[in-house]
């Protein structure tokens, strides 16, 4: 899956994205707002995101600048099995 807007490129996370996500969560502002994540937690986050895509056909995406390809962050849809609902997540 690859989505594009005028400014963004979005795609499913992969194992090759772990280091960028680890660096994202090492940022003090990100850590303060979203919480810290260890490398192992990031690996599990990627695996969970991949499973959601495989099982549901939608899920989390990574965001990149279309002009220079810079990694910008993450967002997407997250399914909450306990309540059977989907929400937009960062």
N, C-alpha and C. Protein backbone atom coordinates (compact mmCIF):
# COMPACT_ATOMS: atom_id res chain seq x y z
N UNK A 1 0.83 -1.17 0.00
CA UNK A 1 0.00 0.00 0.00
C UNK A 1 0.88 1.23 0.00
N UNK A 2 0.58 2.13 -0.90
CA UNK A 2 1.33 3.38 -1.01
C UNK A 2 0.33 4.48 -1.33
N UNK A 3 0.19 5.45 -0.43
CA UNK A 3 -0.71 6.58 -0.64
C UNK A 3 0.11 7.85 -0.79
N UNK A 4 -0.40 8.75 -1.62
CA UNK A 4 0.30 10.02 -1.80
C UNK A 4 -0.70 11.16 -1.79
N UNK A 5 -0.29 12.24 -1.15
CA UNK A 5 -1.02 13.49 -1.25
C UNK A 5 -0.07 14.47 -1.93
N UNK A 6 -0.47 15.72 -2.00
CA UNK A 6 0.39 16.72 -2.63
C UNK A 6 1.74 16.82 -1.93
N UNK A 7 1.74 16.65 -0.60
CA UNK A 7 2.97 16.83 0.17
C UNK A 7 3.52 15.58 0.84
N UNK A 8 2.68 14.57 1.02
CA UNK A 8 3.08 13.39 1.80
C UNK A 8 3.08 12.11 0.97
N UNK A 9 3.96 11.21 1.36
CA UNK A 9 3.92 9.82 0.90
C UNK A 9 3.70 8.98 2.16
N UNK A 10 2.78 8.03 2.08
CA UNK A 10 2.45 7.18 3.23
C UNK A 10 2.53 5.73 2.80
N UNK A 11 3.10 4.90 3.70
CA UNK A 11 3.17 3.47 3.41
C UNK A 11 3.18 2.68 4.69
N UNK A 12 2.92 1.38 4.52
CA UNK A 12 2.94 0.48 5.67
C UNK A 12 4.35 0.43 6.27
N UNK A 13 4.44 0.29 7.59
CA UNK A 13 5.74 0.12 8.22
C UNK A 13 6.34 -1.24 7.85
N UNK A 14 7.66 -1.30 7.87
CA UNK A 14 8.35 -2.57 7.64
C UNK A 14 9.50 -2.69 8.64
N UNK A 15 10.10 -3.85 8.70
CA UNK A 15 11.22 -4.08 9.61
C UNK A 15 12.37 -3.12 9.33
N UNK A 16 12.49 -2.65 8.10
CA UNK A 16 13.55 -1.71 7.74
C UNK A 16 13.35 -0.32 8.32
N UNK A 17 12.22 -0.07 8.92
CA UNK A 17 11.91 1.25 9.48
C UNK A 17 12.18 1.36 10.98
N UNK A 18 12.63 0.29 11.58
CA UNK A 18 12.78 0.26 13.04
C UNK A 18 13.69 1.38 13.53
N UNK A 19 14.83 1.59 12.90
CA UNK A 19 15.78 2.59 13.41
C UNK A 19 15.19 4.00 13.35
N UNK A 20 14.45 4.33 12.29
CA UNK A 20 13.82 5.65 12.22
C UNK A 20 12.78 5.81 13.33
N UNK A 21 12.04 4.76 13.60
CA UNK A 21 11.03 4.83 14.67
C UNK A 21 11.68 4.89 16.05
N UNK A 22 12.78 4.19 16.25
CA UNK A 22 13.52 4.29 17.52
C UNK A 22 14.01 5.72 17.71
N UNK A 23 14.55 6.32 16.64
CA UNK A 23 15.03 7.71 16.73
C UNK A 23 13.87 8.66 17.01
N UNK A 24 12.72 8.43 16.40
CA UNK A 24 11.54 9.25 16.64
C UNK A 24 11.20 9.24 18.13
N UNK A 25 11.18 8.06 18.73
CA UNK A 25 10.80 7.95 20.13
C UNK A 25 11.92 8.32 21.10
N UNK A 26 13.10 8.60 20.59
CA UNK A 26 14.18 9.11 21.42
C UNK A 26 14.11 10.64 21.54
N UNK A 27 13.30 11.28 20.69
CA UNK A 27 13.12 12.73 20.75
C UNK A 27 12.40 13.07 22.05
N UNK A 28 12.93 14.00 22.85
CA UNK A 28 12.32 14.30 24.14
C UNK A 28 10.86 14.76 24.04
N UNK A 29 10.51 15.53 23.03
CA UNK A 29 9.12 15.97 22.89
C UNK A 29 8.20 14.80 22.60
N UNK A 30 8.61 13.92 21.68
CA UNK A 30 7.82 12.73 21.35
C UNK A 30 7.69 11.84 22.58
N UNK A 31 8.79 11.66 23.28
CA UNK A 31 8.76 10.83 24.48
C UNK A 31 7.80 11.40 25.53
N UNK A 32 7.81 12.72 25.68
CA UNK A 32 6.93 13.36 26.68
C UNK A 32 5.46 13.21 26.31
N UNK A 33 5.14 13.35 25.02
CA UNK A 33 3.75 13.32 24.59
C UNK A 33 3.23 11.90 24.42
N UNK A 34 4.03 11.03 23.77
CA UNK A 34 3.55 9.69 23.43
C UNK A 34 4.16 8.58 24.28
N UNK A 35 5.17 8.91 25.06
CA UNK A 35 5.82 7.91 25.88
C UNK A 35 7.05 7.32 25.21
N UNK A 36 7.92 6.81 26.02
CA UNK A 36 9.15 6.20 25.52
C UNK A 36 8.85 4.82 24.95
N UNK A 37 9.63 4.42 23.96
CA UNK A 37 9.54 3.07 23.42
C UNK A 37 10.96 2.53 23.26
N UNK A 38 11.19 1.35 23.78
CA UNK A 38 12.48 0.70 23.58
C UNK A 38 12.54 0.15 22.16
N UNK A 39 13.72 -0.28 21.76
CA UNK A 39 13.86 -0.87 20.43
C UNK A 39 12.96 -2.11 20.31
N UNK A 40 12.93 -2.94 21.35
CA UNK A 40 12.08 -4.13 21.32
C UNK A 40 10.61 -3.76 21.17
N UNK A 41 10.18 -2.70 21.85
CA UNK A 41 8.78 -2.25 21.73
C UNK A 41 8.49 -1.74 20.32
N UNK A 42 9.46 -1.06 19.71
CA UNK A 42 9.28 -0.60 18.33
C UNK A 42 9.18 -1.79 17.39
N UNK A 43 10.02 -2.80 17.58
CA UNK A 43 9.95 -4.01 16.74
C UNK A 43 8.57 -4.64 16.86
N UNK A 44 8.03 -4.72 18.07
CA UNK A 44 6.69 -5.28 18.27
C UNK A 44 5.62 -4.38 17.65
N UNK A 45 5.78 -3.06 17.74
CA UNK A 45 4.83 -2.12 17.13
C UNK A 45 4.77 -2.36 15.62
N UNK A 46 5.93 -2.50 15.00
CA UNK A 46 5.98 -2.76 13.54
C UNK A 46 5.31 -4.09 13.24
N UNK A 47 5.60 -5.12 14.01
CA UNK A 47 5.00 -6.44 13.77
C UNK A 47 3.48 -6.36 13.92
N UNK A 48 3.00 -5.67 14.94
CA UNK A 48 1.57 -5.52 15.15
C UNK A 48 0.93 -4.75 14.00
N UNK A 49 1.59 -3.69 13.56
CA UNK A 49 1.08 -2.90 12.44
C UNK A 49 0.99 -3.77 11.17
N UNK A 50 1.98 -4.60 10.94
CA UNK A 50 1.97 -5.49 9.77
C UNK A 50 0.82 -6.49 9.86
N UNK A 51 0.62 -7.06 11.07
CA UNK A 51 -0.48 -8.01 11.25
C UNK A 51 -1.83 -7.35 10.99
N UNK A 52 -2.00 -6.13 11.46
CA UNK A 52 -3.27 -5.44 11.22
C UNK A 52 -3.52 -5.26 9.72
N UNK A 53 -2.50 -4.90 8.98
CA UNK A 53 -2.66 -4.77 7.53
C UNK A 53 -3.04 -6.11 6.91
N UNK A 54 -2.35 -7.16 7.34
CA UNK A 54 -2.65 -8.50 6.80
C UNK A 54 -4.06 -8.95 7.14
N UNK A 55 -4.49 -8.70 8.37
CA UNK A 55 -5.79 -9.18 8.85
C UNK A 55 -6.96 -8.28 8.46
N UNK A 56 -6.75 -6.97 8.44
CA UNK A 56 -7.86 -6.04 8.28
C UNK A 56 -7.83 -5.24 6.98
N UNK A 57 -6.67 -5.20 6.31
CA UNK A 57 -6.57 -4.43 5.07
C UNK A 57 -6.39 -2.94 5.29
N UNK A 58 -6.15 -2.54 6.54
CA UNK A 58 -5.83 -1.15 6.85
C UNK A 58 -5.03 -1.15 8.14
N UNK A 59 -4.42 -0.01 8.44
CA UNK A 59 -3.62 0.06 9.66
C UNK A 59 -2.77 1.30 9.71
N UNK A 60 -1.68 1.20 10.45
CA UNK A 60 -0.76 2.33 10.65
C UNK A 60 0.06 2.56 9.39
N UNK A 61 0.47 3.81 9.20
CA UNK A 61 1.33 4.17 8.09
C UNK A 61 2.47 5.04 8.60
N UNK A 62 3.55 5.05 7.84
CA UNK A 62 4.65 5.98 8.09
C UNK A 62 4.51 7.12 7.09
N UNK A 63 4.86 8.31 7.54
CA UNK A 63 4.71 9.51 6.73
C UNK A 63 6.08 10.03 6.29
N UNK A 64 6.18 10.38 5.01
CA UNK A 64 7.42 10.89 4.44
C UNK A 64 7.12 12.13 3.62
N UNK A 65 8.06 13.05 3.58
CA UNK A 65 7.95 14.23 2.74
C UNK A 65 8.12 13.80 1.28
N UNK A 66 7.16 14.13 0.43
CA UNK A 66 7.24 13.72 -0.97
C UNK A 66 8.41 14.38 -1.69
N UNK A 67 8.76 15.58 -1.30
CA UNK A 67 9.82 16.31 -2.01
C UNK A 67 11.20 15.73 -1.76
N UNK A 68 11.53 15.48 -0.49
CA UNK A 68 12.89 15.01 -0.21
C UNK A 68 12.94 13.62 0.43
N UNK A 69 11.79 12.99 0.66
CA UNK A 69 11.75 11.64 1.21
C UNK A 69 12.04 11.55 2.70
N UNK A 70 12.13 12.69 3.38
CA UNK A 70 12.45 12.69 4.82
C UNK A 70 11.33 12.02 5.62
N UNK A 71 11.71 11.22 6.59
CA UNK A 71 10.76 10.59 7.50
C UNK A 71 10.15 11.66 8.39
N UNK A 72 8.82 11.69 8.48
CA UNK A 72 8.13 12.71 9.26
C UNK A 72 7.44 12.17 10.50
N UNK A 73 7.04 10.91 10.47
CA UNK A 73 6.35 10.37 11.63
C UNK A 73 5.45 9.21 11.26
N UNK A 74 4.45 8.97 12.11
CA UNK A 74 3.54 7.85 11.90
C UNK A 74 2.11 8.28 12.20
N UNK A 75 1.19 7.57 11.62
CA UNK A 75 -0.23 7.83 11.83
C UNK A 75 -0.99 6.61 11.32
N UNK A 76 -2.27 6.73 11.08
CA UNK A 76 -3.03 5.66 10.48
C UNK A 76 -4.20 5.21 11.31
N UNK A 77 -4.72 4.07 10.96
CA UNK A 77 -5.90 3.51 11.61
C UNK A 77 -5.50 2.39 12.55
N UNK A 78 -6.14 2.35 13.72
CA UNK A 78 -5.88 1.29 14.70
C UNK A 78 -7.21 0.68 15.11
N UNK A 79 -7.27 -0.63 15.01
CA UNK A 79 -8.46 -1.37 15.42
C UNK A 79 -8.37 -1.70 16.90
N UNK A 80 -9.49 -1.47 17.62
CA UNK A 80 -9.57 -1.80 19.04
C UNK A 80 -10.50 -3.00 19.17
N UNK A 81 -9.94 -4.21 19.28
CA UNK A 81 -10.76 -5.41 19.30
C UNK A 81 -11.77 -5.46 20.44
N UNK A 82 -11.45 -4.93 21.59
CA UNK A 82 -12.35 -5.00 22.73
C UNK A 82 -13.68 -4.30 22.51
N UNK A 83 -13.65 -3.27 21.67
CA UNK A 83 -14.88 -2.53 21.39
C UNK A 83 -15.30 -2.62 19.93
N UNK A 84 -14.46 -3.25 19.10
CA UNK A 84 -14.79 -3.43 17.70
C UNK A 84 -14.82 -2.16 16.90
N UNK A 85 -14.01 -1.18 17.28
CA UNK A 85 -13.98 0.10 16.58
C UNK A 85 -12.58 0.41 16.07
N UNK A 86 -12.54 1.34 15.12
CA UNK A 86 -11.29 1.78 14.51
C UNK A 86 -11.17 3.27 14.75
N UNK A 87 -9.95 3.72 15.08
CA UNK A 87 -9.74 5.14 15.25
C UNK A 87 -8.47 5.57 14.54
N UNK A 88 -8.37 6.86 14.23
CA UNK A 88 -7.15 7.43 13.66
C UNK A 88 -6.18 7.62 14.81
N UNK A 89 -4.95 7.13 14.60
CA UNK A 89 -3.92 7.21 15.63
C UNK A 89 -2.67 7.86 15.10
N UNK A 90 -1.87 8.40 16.01
CA UNK A 90 -0.56 8.91 15.66
C UNK A 90 0.47 7.92 16.13
